[in-house]
Amino acid sequence: MRPAPLKAGRKEGRKGGRLSEHVYKSIELTGSSKKGVEDAVQRAIARAGKTIRNMRWFQVTETRGYVEKGKVAYWQVTVKIGFTLES
């Protein structure tokens, strides 16, 4: 099934399921946390935000953890973060 054609003057965006016409670059980072997976993701994104502008999306590509004395000591989450390139 083909998507409906765009109306004249309308820019493609996220609305209606269409992707915008951006070019993205992505990086891969691994965040770690003793608290959990979500905290590890937040840490990776927060750190990337110190030097990268225009972040738009992330994808969790790997989840793992470190075991110490039979218990989870910390989580490691690898994320791919996409950002738009500046003009």
PDB file of N, CA and C in Angstrom:
ATOM      1  N   MET A   1       0.838  -1.176   0.000  1.00  0.00           N
ATOM      2  CA  MET A   1       0.000   0.000   0.000  1.00  0.00           C
ATOM      3  C   MET A   1       0.886   1.242   0.000  1.00  0.00           C
ATOM      4  N   ARG A   2       0.635   2.144  -0.913  1.00  0.00           N
ATOM      5  CA  ARG A   2       1.441   3.349  -1.032  1.00  0.00           C
ATOM      6  C   ARG A   2       0.842   4.462  -0.195  1.00  0.00           C
ATOM      7  N   PRO A   3       1.709   5.299   0.418  1.00  0.00           N
ATOM      8  CA  PRO A   3       1.195   6.427   1.195  1.00  0.00           C
ATOM      9  C   PRO A   3       0.538   7.452   0.278  1.00  0.00           C
ATOM     10  N   ALA A   4      -0.399   8.183   0.837  1.00  0.00           N
ATOM     11  CA  ALA A   4      -1.066   9.243   0.081  1.00  0.00           C
ATOM     12  C   ALA A   4      -0.066  10.313  -0.301  1.00  0.00           C
ATOM     13  N   PRO A   5      -0.209  10.910  -1.489  1.00  0.00           N
ATOM     14  CA  PRO A   5       0.728  11.976  -1.884  1.00  0.00           C
ATOM     15  C   PRO A   5       0.599  13.174  -0.957  1.00  0.00           C
ATOM     16  N   LEU A   6       1.690  13.904  -0.829  1.00  0.00           N
ATOM     17  CA  LEU A   6       1.695  15.099   0.010  1.00  0.00           C
ATOM     18  C   LEU A   6       0.950  16.226  -0.683  1.00  0.00           C
ATOM     19  N   LYS A   7       0.282  17.025   0.110  1.00  0.00           N
ATOM     20  CA  LYS A   7      -0.393  18.199  -0.436  1.00  0.00           C
ATOM     21  C   LYS A   7       0.644  19.273  -0.724  1.00  0.00           C
ATOM     22  N   ALA A   8       0.400  20.080  -1.712  1.00  0.00           N
ATOM     23  CA  ALA A   8       1.336  21.141  -2.078  1.00  0.00           C
ATOM     24  C   ALA A   8       1.603  22.041  -0.893  1.00  0.00           C
ATOM     25  N   GLY A   9       2.858  22.384  -0.688  1.00  0.00           N
ATOM     26  CA  GLY A   9       3.245  23.299   0.367  1.00  0.00           C
ATOM     27  C   GLY A   9       3.424  22.642   1.730  1.00  0.00           C
ATOM     28  N   ARG A  10       3.069  21.398   1.845  1.00  0.00           N
ATOM     29  CA  ARG A  10       3.213  20.713   3.133  1.00  0.00           C
ATOM     30  C   ARG A  10       4.559  20.015   3.204  1.00  0.00           C
ATOM     31  N   LYS A  11       5.254  20.248   4.280  1.00  0.00           N
ATOM     32  CA  LYS A  11       6.536  19.588   4.485  1.00  0.00           C
ATOM     33  C   LYS A  11       6.302  18.223   5.106  1.00  0.00           C
ATOM     34  N   GLU A  12       7.135  17.265   4.724  1.00  0.00           N
ATOM     35  CA  GLU A  12       7.040  15.968   5.367  1.00  0.00           C
ATOM     36  C   GLU A  12       7.527  16.092   6.792  1.00  0.00           C
ATOM     37  N   GLY A  13       6.835  15.516   7.696  1.00  0.00           N
ATOM     38  CA  GLY A  13       7.232  15.513   9.098  1.00  0.00           C
ATOM     39  C   GLY A  13       6.898  14.178   9.704  1.00  0.00           C
ATOM     40  N   ARG A  14       6.924  14.102  10.993  1.00  0.00           N
ATOM     41  CA  ARG A  14       6.634  12.864  11.689  1.00  0.00           C
ATOM     42  C   ARG A  14       5.137  12.576  11.692  1.00  0.00           C
ATOM     43  N   LYS A  15       4.309  13.594  11.494  1.00  0.00           N
ATOM     44  CA  LYS A  15       2.863  13.416  11.502  1.00  0.00           C
ATOM     45  C   LYS A  15       2.442  12.510  10.357  1.00  0.00           C
ATOM     46  N   GLY A  16       1.442  11.710  10.603  1.00  0.00           N
ATOM     47  CA  GLY A  16       0.923  10.843   9.557  1.00  0.00           C
ATOM     48  C   GLY A  16       1.827   9.677   9.241  1.00  0.00           C
ATOM     49  N   GLY A  17       2.818   9.415  10.079  1.00  0.00           N
ATOM     50  CA  GLY A  17       3.693   8.269   9.864  1.00  0.00           C
ATOM     51  C   GLY A  17       4.810   8.492   8.872  1.00  0.00           C
ATOM     52  N   ARG A  18       4.880   9.677   8.302  1.00  0.00           N
ATOM     53  CA  ARG A  18       5.949   9.949   7.332  1.00  0.00           C
ATOM     54  C   ARG A  18       7.186  10.453   8.066  1.00  0.00           C
ATOM     55  N   LEU A  19       8.323  10.038   7.600  1.00  0.00           N
ATOM     56  CA  LEU A  19       9.579  10.512   8.183  1.00  0.00           C
ATOM     57  C   LEU A  19       9.940  11.849   7.569  1.00  0.00           C
ATOM     58  N   SER A  20      10.585  12.694   8.345  1.00  0.00           N
ATOM     59  CA  SER A  20      11.006  13.986   7.822  1.00  0.00           C
ATOM     60  C   SER A  20      12.199  13.800   6.896  1.00  0.00           C
ATOM     61  N   GLU A  21      12.468  14.827   6.141  1.00  0.00           N
ATOM     62  CA  GLU A  21      13.525  14.762   5.131  1.00  0.00           C
ATOM     63  C   GLU A  21      14.857  15.220   5.685  1.00  0.00           C
ATOM     64  N   HIS A  22      15.219  14.764   6.847  1.00  0.00           N
ATOM     65  CA  HIS A  22      16.489  15.125   7.453  1.00  0.00           C
ATOM     66  C   HIS A  22      17.557  14.101   7.083  1.00  0.00           C
ATOM     67  N   VAL A  23      18.782  14.530   7.207  1.00  0.00           N
ATOM     68  CA  VAL A  23      19.910  13.612   7.132  1.00  0.00           C
ATOM     69  C   VAL A  23      20.418  13.463   8.552  1.00  0.00           C
ATOM     70  N   TYR A  24      20.587  12.242   8.985  1.00  0.00           N
ATOM     71  CA  TYR A  24      21.021  11.973  10.354  1.00  0.00           C
ATOM     72  C   TYR A  24      22.414  11.371  10.369  1.00  0.00           C
ATOM     73  N   LYS A  25      23.137  11.685  11.408  1.00  0.00           N
ATOM     74  CA  LYS A  25      24.394  11.019  11.712  1.00  0.00           C
ATOM     75  C   LYS A  25      24.141  10.306  13.026  1.00  0.00           C
ATOM     76  N   SER A  26      24.789   9.181  13.239  1.00  0.00           N
ATOM     77  CA  SER A  26      24.578   8.483  14.503  1.00  0.00           C
ATOM     78  C   SER A  26      25.908   8.100  15.134  1.00  0.00           C
ATOM     79  N   ILE A  27      25.866   8.008  16.443  1.00  0.00           N
ATOM     80  CA  ILE A  27      27.017   7.558  17.203  1.00  0.00           C
ATOM     81  C   ILE A  27      26.544   6.428  18.111  1.00  0.00           C
ATOM     82  N   GLU A  28      27.481   5.666  18.599  1.00  0.00           N
ATOM     83  CA  GLU A  28      27.146   4.584  19.510  1.00  0.00           C
ATOM     84  C   GLU A  28      27.893   4.794  20.822  1.00  0.00           C
ATOM     85  N   LEU A  29      27.157   4.740  21.922  1.00  0.00           N
ATOM     86  CA  LEU A  29      27.723   4.931  23.253  1.00  0.00           C
ATOM     87  C   LEU A  29      27.239   3.823  24.173  1.00  0.00           C
ATOM     88  N   THR A  30      27.991   3.556  25.224  1.00  0.00           N
ATOM     89  CA  THR A  30      27.555   2.614  26.246  1.00  0.00           C
ATOM     90  C   THR A  30      27.512   3.341  27.573  1.00  0.00           C
ATOM     91  N   GLY A  31      26.312   3.371  28.155  1.00  0.00           N
ATOM     92  CA  GLY A  31      26.131   3.965  29.476  1.00  0.00           C
ATOM     93  C   GLY A  31      26.082   2.856  30.512  1.00  0.00           C
ATOM     94  N   SER A  32      26.493   3.156  31.716  1.00  0.00           N
ATOM     95  CA  SER A  32      26.427   2.150  32.778  1.00  0.00           C
ATOM     96  C   SER A  32      25.796   2.768  34.023  1.00  0.00           C
ATOM     97  N   SER A  33      25.174   1.897  34.827  1.00  0.00           N
ATOM     98  CA  SER A  33      24.497   2.360  36.029  1.00  0.00           C
ATOM     99  C   SER A  33      24.316   1.207  37.010  1.00  0.00           C
ATOM    100  N   LYS A  34      24.422   1.521  38.280  1.00  0.00           N
ATOM    101  CA  LYS A  34      24.111   0.545  39.320  1.00  0.00           C
ATOM    102  C   LYS A  34      22.609   0.474  39.553  1.00  0.00           C
ATOM    103  N   LYS A  35      21.870   1.504  39.110  1.00  0.00           N
ATOM    104  CA  LYS A  35      20.431   1.583  39.359  1.00  0.00           C
ATOM    105  C   LYS A  35      19.614   0.723  38.400  1.00  0.00           C
ATOM    106  N   GLY A  36      19.950   0.749  37.108  1.00  0.00           N
ATOM    107  CA  GLY A  36      19.172  -0.023  36.151  1.00  0.00           C
ATOM    108  C   GLY A  36      19.395   0.391  34.713  1.00  0.00           C
ATOM    109  N   VAL A  37      18.672  -0.278  33.837  1.00  0.00           N
ATOM    110  CA  VAL A  37      18.812  -0.073  32.400  1.00  0.00           C
ATOM    111  C   VAL A  37      18.436   1.352  31.988  1.00  0.00           C
ATOM    112  N   GLU A  38      17.289   1.831  32.448  1.00  0.00           N
ATOM    113  CA  GLU A  38      16.851   3.166  32.051  1.00  0.00           C
ATOM    114  C   GLU A  38      17.833   4.235  32.501  1.00  0.00           C
ATOM    115  N   ASP A  39      18.385   4.097  33.683  1.00  0.00           N
ATOM    116  CA  ASP A  39      19.362   5.065  34.171  1.00  0.00           C
ATOM    117  C   ASP A  39      20.625   5.028  33.310  1.00  0.00           C
ATOM    118  N   ALA A  40      21.022   3.851  32.868  1.00  0.00           N
ATOM    119  CA  ALA A  40      22.199   3.732  32.000  1.00  0.00           C
ATOM    120  C   ALA A  40      21.962   4.450  30.673  1.00  0.00           C
ATOM    121  N   VAL A  41      20.747   4.311  30.118  1.00  0.00           N
ATOM    122  CA  VAL A  41      20.403   5.012  28.876  1.00  0.00           C
ATOM    123  C   VAL A  41      20.428   6.518  29.105  1.00  0.00           C
ATOM    124  N   GLN A  42      19.805   6.962  30.194  1.00  0.00           N
ATOM    125  CA  GLN A  42      19.767   8.400  30.505  1.00  0.00           C
ATOM    126  C   GLN A  42      21.179   8.967  30.655  1.00  0.00           C
ATOM    127  N   ARG A  43      22.066   8.229  31.277  1.00  0.00           N
ATOM    128  CA  ARG A  43      23.445   8.686  31.454  1.00  0.00           C
ATOM    129  C   ARG A  43      24.158   8.845  30.110  1.00  0.00           C
ATOM    130  N   ALA A  44      23.972   7.878  29.222  1.00  0.00           N
ATOM    131  CA  ALA A  44      24.612   7.950  27.903  1.00  0.00           C
ATOM    132  C   ALA A  44      24.098   9.158  27.126  1.00  0.00           C
ATOM    133  N   ILE A  45      22.780   9.372  27.147  1.00  0.00           N
ATOM    134  CA  ILE A  45      22.193  10.491  26.412  1.00  0.00           C
ATOM    135  C   ILE A  45      22.602  11.826  27.029  1.00  0.00           C
ATOM    136  N   ALA A  46      22.608  11.898  28.352  1.00  0.00           N
ATOM    137  CA  ALA A  46      23.018  13.140  29.026  1.00  0.00           C
ATOM    138  C   ALA A  46      24.460  13.489  28.689  1.00  0.00           C
ATOM    139  N   ARG A  47      25.315  12.495  28.679  1.00  0.00           N
ATOM    140  CA  ARG A  47      26.732  12.756  28.367  1.00  0.00           C
ATOM    141  C   ARG A  47      26.892  13.204  26.917  1.00  0.00           C
ATOM    142  N   ALA A  48      26.182  12.551  26.003  1.00  0.00           N
ATOM    143  CA  ALA A  48      26.250  12.938  24.592  1.00  0.00           C
ATOM    144  C   ALA A  48      25.758  14.369  24.415  1.00  0.00           C
ATOM    145  N   GLY A  49      24.749  14.754  25.181  1.00  0.00           N
ATOM    146  CA  GLY A  49      24.172  16.094  25.077  1.00  0.00           C
ATOM    147  C   GLY A  49      25.128  17.210  25.445  1.00  0.00           C
ATOM    148  N   LYS A  50      26.224  16.887  26.107  1.00  0.00           N
ATOM    149  CA  LYS A  50      27.215  17.916  26.453  1.00  0.00           C
ATOM    150  C   LYS A  50      27.992  18.396  25.237  1.00  0.00           C
ATOM    151  N   THR A  51      28.090  17.556  24.209  1.00  0.00           N
ATOM    152  CA  THR A  51      28.891  17.928  23.042  1.00  0.00           C
ATOM    153  C   THR A  51      28.155  17.780  21.716  1.00  0.00           C
ATOM    154  N   ILE A  52      26.988  17.160  21.722  1.00  0.00           N
ATOM    155  CA  ILE A  52      26.257  16.924  20.474  1.00  0.00           C
ATOM    156  C   ILE A  52      24.946  17.694  20.497  1.00  0.00           C
ATOM    157  N   ARG A  53      24.704  18.437  19.427  1.00  0.00           N
ATOM    158  CA  ARG A  53      23.453  19.184  19.298  1.00  0.00           C
ATOM    159  C   ARG A  53      22.481  18.411  18.402  1.00  0.00           C
ATOM    160  N   ASN A  54      21.230  18.774  18.478  1.00  0.00           N
ATOM    161  CA  ASN A  54      20.190  18.275  17.578  1.00  0.00           C
ATOM    162  C   ASN A  54      19.940  16.768  17.675  1.00  0.00           C
ATOM    163  N   MET A  55      20.097  16.204  18.876  1.00  0.00           N
ATOM    164  CA  MET A  55      19.786  14.783  19.034  1.00  0.00           C
ATOM    165  C   MET A  55      18.294  14.595  18.825  1.00  0.00           C
ATOM    166  N   ARG A  56      17.920  13.535  18.100  1.00  0.00           N
ATOM    167  CA  ARG A  56      16.518  13.312  17.757  1.00  0.00           C
ATOM    168  C   ARG A  56      15.991  11.936  18.160  1.00  0.00           C
ATOM    169  N   TRP A  57      16.819  10.930  18.184  1.00  0.00           N
ATOM    170  CA  TRP A  57      16.334   9.589  18.491  1.00  0.00           C
ATOM    171  C   TRP A  57      17.452   8.739  19.090  1.00  0.00           C
ATOM    172  N   PHE A  58      17.034   7.644  19.710  1.00  0.00           N
ATOM    173  CA  PHE A  58      18.011   6.665  20.167  1.00  0.00           C
ATOM    174  C   PHE A  58      17.434   5.271  19.978  1.00  0.00           C
ATOM    175  N   GLN A  59      18.335   4.306  19.899  1.00  0.00           N
ATOM    176  CA  GLN A  59      17.958   2.905  19.756  1.00  0.00           C
ATOM    177  C   GLN A  59      18.850   2.090  20.676  1.00  0.00           C
ATOM    178  N   VAL A  60      18.265   1.287  21.519  1.00  0.00           N
ATOM    179  CA  VAL A  60      19.044   0.398  22.378  1.00  0.00           C
ATOM    180  C   VAL A  60      19.503  -0.771  21.509  1.00  0.00           C
ATOM    181  N   THR A  61      20.812  -0.956  21.405  1.00  0.00           N
ATOM    182  CA  THR A  61      21.335  -2.021  20.549  1.00  0.00           C
ATOM    183  C   THR A  61      21.856  -3.212  21.337  1.00  0.00           C
ATOM    184  N   GLU A  62      22.157  -2.994  22.621  1.00  0.00           N
ATOM    185  CA  GLU A  62      22.666  -4.092  23.435  1.00  0.00           C
ATOM    186  C   GLU A  62      22.449  -3.778  24.916  1.00  0.00           C
ATOM    187  N   THR A  63      22.094  -4.801  25.662  1.00  0.00           N
ATOM    188  CA  THR A  63      21.953  -4.666  27.104  1.00  0.00           C
ATOM    189  C   THR A  63      22.741  -5.792  27.752  1.00  0.00           C
ATOM    190  N   ARG A  64      23.541  -5.446  28.717  1.00  0.00           N
ATOM    191  CA  ARG A  64      24.309  -6.452  29.435  1.00  0.00           C
ATOM    192  C   ARG A  64      24.576  -5.942  30.841  1.00  0.00           C
ATOM    193  N   GLY A  65      25.157  -6.768  31.654  1.00  0.00           N
ATOM    194  CA  GLY A  65      25.447  -6.346  33.014  1.00  0.00           C
ATOM    195  C   GLY A  65      26.691  -7.014  33.546  1.00  0.00           C
ATOM    196  N   TYR A  66      27.087  -6.560  34.681  1.00  0.00           N
ATOM    197  CA  TYR A  66      28.279  -7.076  35.353  1.00  0.00           C
ATOM    198  C   TYR A  66      27.825  -7.743  36.653  1.00  0.00           C
ATOM    199  N   VAL A  67      28.285  -8.966  36.842  1.00  0.00           N
ATOM    200  CA  VAL A  67      27.903  -9.729  38.029  1.00  0.00           C
ATOM    201  C   VAL A  67      29.076  -9.777  38.992  1.00  0.00           C
ATOM    202  N   GLU A  68      28.773  -9.496  40.251  1.00  0.00           N
ATOM    203  CA  GLU A  68      29.792  -9.531  41.291  1.00  0.00           C
ATOM    204  C   GLU A  68      29.214 -10.256  42.508  1.00  0.00           C
ATOM    205  N   LYS A  69      29.883 -11.297  42.949  1.00  0.00           N
ATOM    206  CA  LYS A  69      29.440 -12.088  44.098  1.00  0.00           C
ATOM    207  C   LYS A  69      28.012 -12.594  43.937  1.00  0.00           C
ATOM    208  N   GLY A  70      27.691 -13.025  42.728  1.00  0.00           N
ATOM    209  CA  GLY A  70      26.396 -13.612  42.463  1.00  0.00           C
ATOM    210  C   GLY A  70      25.239 -12.638  42.320  1.00  0.00           C
ATOM    211  N   LYS A  71      25.538 -11.338  42.263  1.00  0.00           N
ATOM    212  CA  LYS A  71      24.485 -10.325  42.128  1.00  0.00           C
ATOM    213  C   LYS A  71      24.846  -9.353  41.010  1.00  0.00           C
ATOM    214  N   VAL A  72      23.808  -8.714  40.483  1.00  0.00           N
ATOM    215  CA  VAL A  72      24.044  -7.692  39.453  1.00  0.00           C
ATOM    216  C   VAL A  72      24.710  -6.498  40.118  1.00  0.00           C
ATOM    217  N   ALA A  73      25.929  -6.180  39.658  1.00  0.00           N
ATOM    218  CA  ALA A  73      26.659  -5.045  40.216  1.00  0.00           C
ATOM    219  C   ALA A  73      26.297  -3.757  39.466  1.00  0.00           C
ATOM    220  N   TYR A  74      26.185  -3.846  38.140  1.00  0.00           N
ATOM    221  CA  TYR A  74      25.742  -2.705  37.351  1.00  0.00           C
ATOM    222  C   TYR A  74      25.316  -3.150  35.968  1.00  0.00           C
ATOM    223  N   TRP A  75      24.536  -2.301  35.332  1.00  0.00           N
ATOM    224  CA  TRP A  75      24.020  -2.528  33.986  1.00  0.00           C
ATOM    225  C   TRP A  75      24.832  -1.733  32.982  1.00  0.00           C
ATOM    226  N   GLN A  76      24.977  -2.284  31.794  1.00  0.00           N
ATOM    227  CA  GLN A  76      25.599  -1.582  30.678  1.00  0.00           C
ATOM    228  C   GLN A  76      24.630  -1.630  29.501  1.00  0.00           C
ATOM    229  N   VAL A  77      24.339  -0.475  28.942  1.00  0.00           N
ATOM    230  CA  VAL A  77      23.403  -0.398  27.820  1.00  0.00           C
ATOM    231  C   VAL A  77      24.063   0.375  26.684  1.00  0.00           C
ATOM    232  N   THR A  78      24.150  -0.256  25.526  1.00  0.00           N
ATOM    233  CA  THR A  78      24.702   0.398  24.351  1.00  0.00           C
ATOM    234  C   THR A  78      23.550   0.983  23.556  1.00  0.00           C
ATOM    235  N   VAL A  79      23.672   2.273  23.232  1.00  0.00           N
ATOM    236  CA  VAL A  79      22.639   2.973  22.471  1.00  0.00           C
ATOM    237  C   VAL A  79      23.247   3.616  21.236  1.00  0.00           C
ATOM    238  N   LYS A  80      22.468   3.626  20.193  1.00  0.00           N
ATOM    239  CA  LYS A  80      22.814   4.380  18.991  1.00  0.00           C
ATOM    240  C   LYS A  80      21.982   5.646  19.077  1.00  0.00           C
ATOM    241  N   ILE A  81      22.622   6.797  18.985  1.00  0.00           N
ATOM    242  CA  ILE A  81      21.945   8.083  19.099  1.00  0.00           C
ATOM    243  C   ILE A  81      22.041   8.800  17.757  1.00  0.00           C
ATOM    244  N   GLY A  82      20.899   9.222  17.241  1.00  0.00           N
ATOM    245  CA  GLY A  82      20.856   9.925  15.965  1.00  0.00           C
ATOM    246  C   GLY A  82      20.648  11.410  16.163  1.00  0.00           C
ATOM    247  N   PHE A  83      21.324  12.197  15.354  1.00  0.00           N
ATOM    248  CA  PHE A  83      21.170  13.645  15.421  1.00  0.00           C
ATOM    249  C   PHE A  83      21.209  14.209  14.007  1.00  0.00           C
ATOM    250  N   THR A  84      20.530  15.348  13.836  1.00  0.00           N
ATOM    251  CA  THR A  84      20.497  15.967  12.509  1.00  0.00           C
ATOM    252  C   THR A  84      21.762  16.796  12.314  1.00  0.00           C
ATOM    253  N   LEU A  85      22.192  16.834  11.079  1.00  0.00           N
ATOM    254  CA  LEU A  85      23.362  17.626  10.723  1.00  0.00           C
ATOM    255  C   LEU A  85      22.943  19.073  10.518  1.00  0.00           C
ATOM    256  N   GLU A  86      23.799  19.978  10.898  1.00  0.00           N
ATOM    257  CA  GLU A  86      23.499  21.393  10.718  1.00  0.00           C
ATOM    258  C   GLU A  86      23.761  21.811   9.288  1.00  0.00           C
ATOM    259  N   SER A  87      23.014  22.794   8.849  1.00  0.00           N
ATOM    260  CA  SER A  87      23.161  23.292   7.452  1.00  0.00           C
ATOM    261  C   SER A  87      24.452  24.058   7.297  1.00  0.00           C
TER     262      SER A  87
END
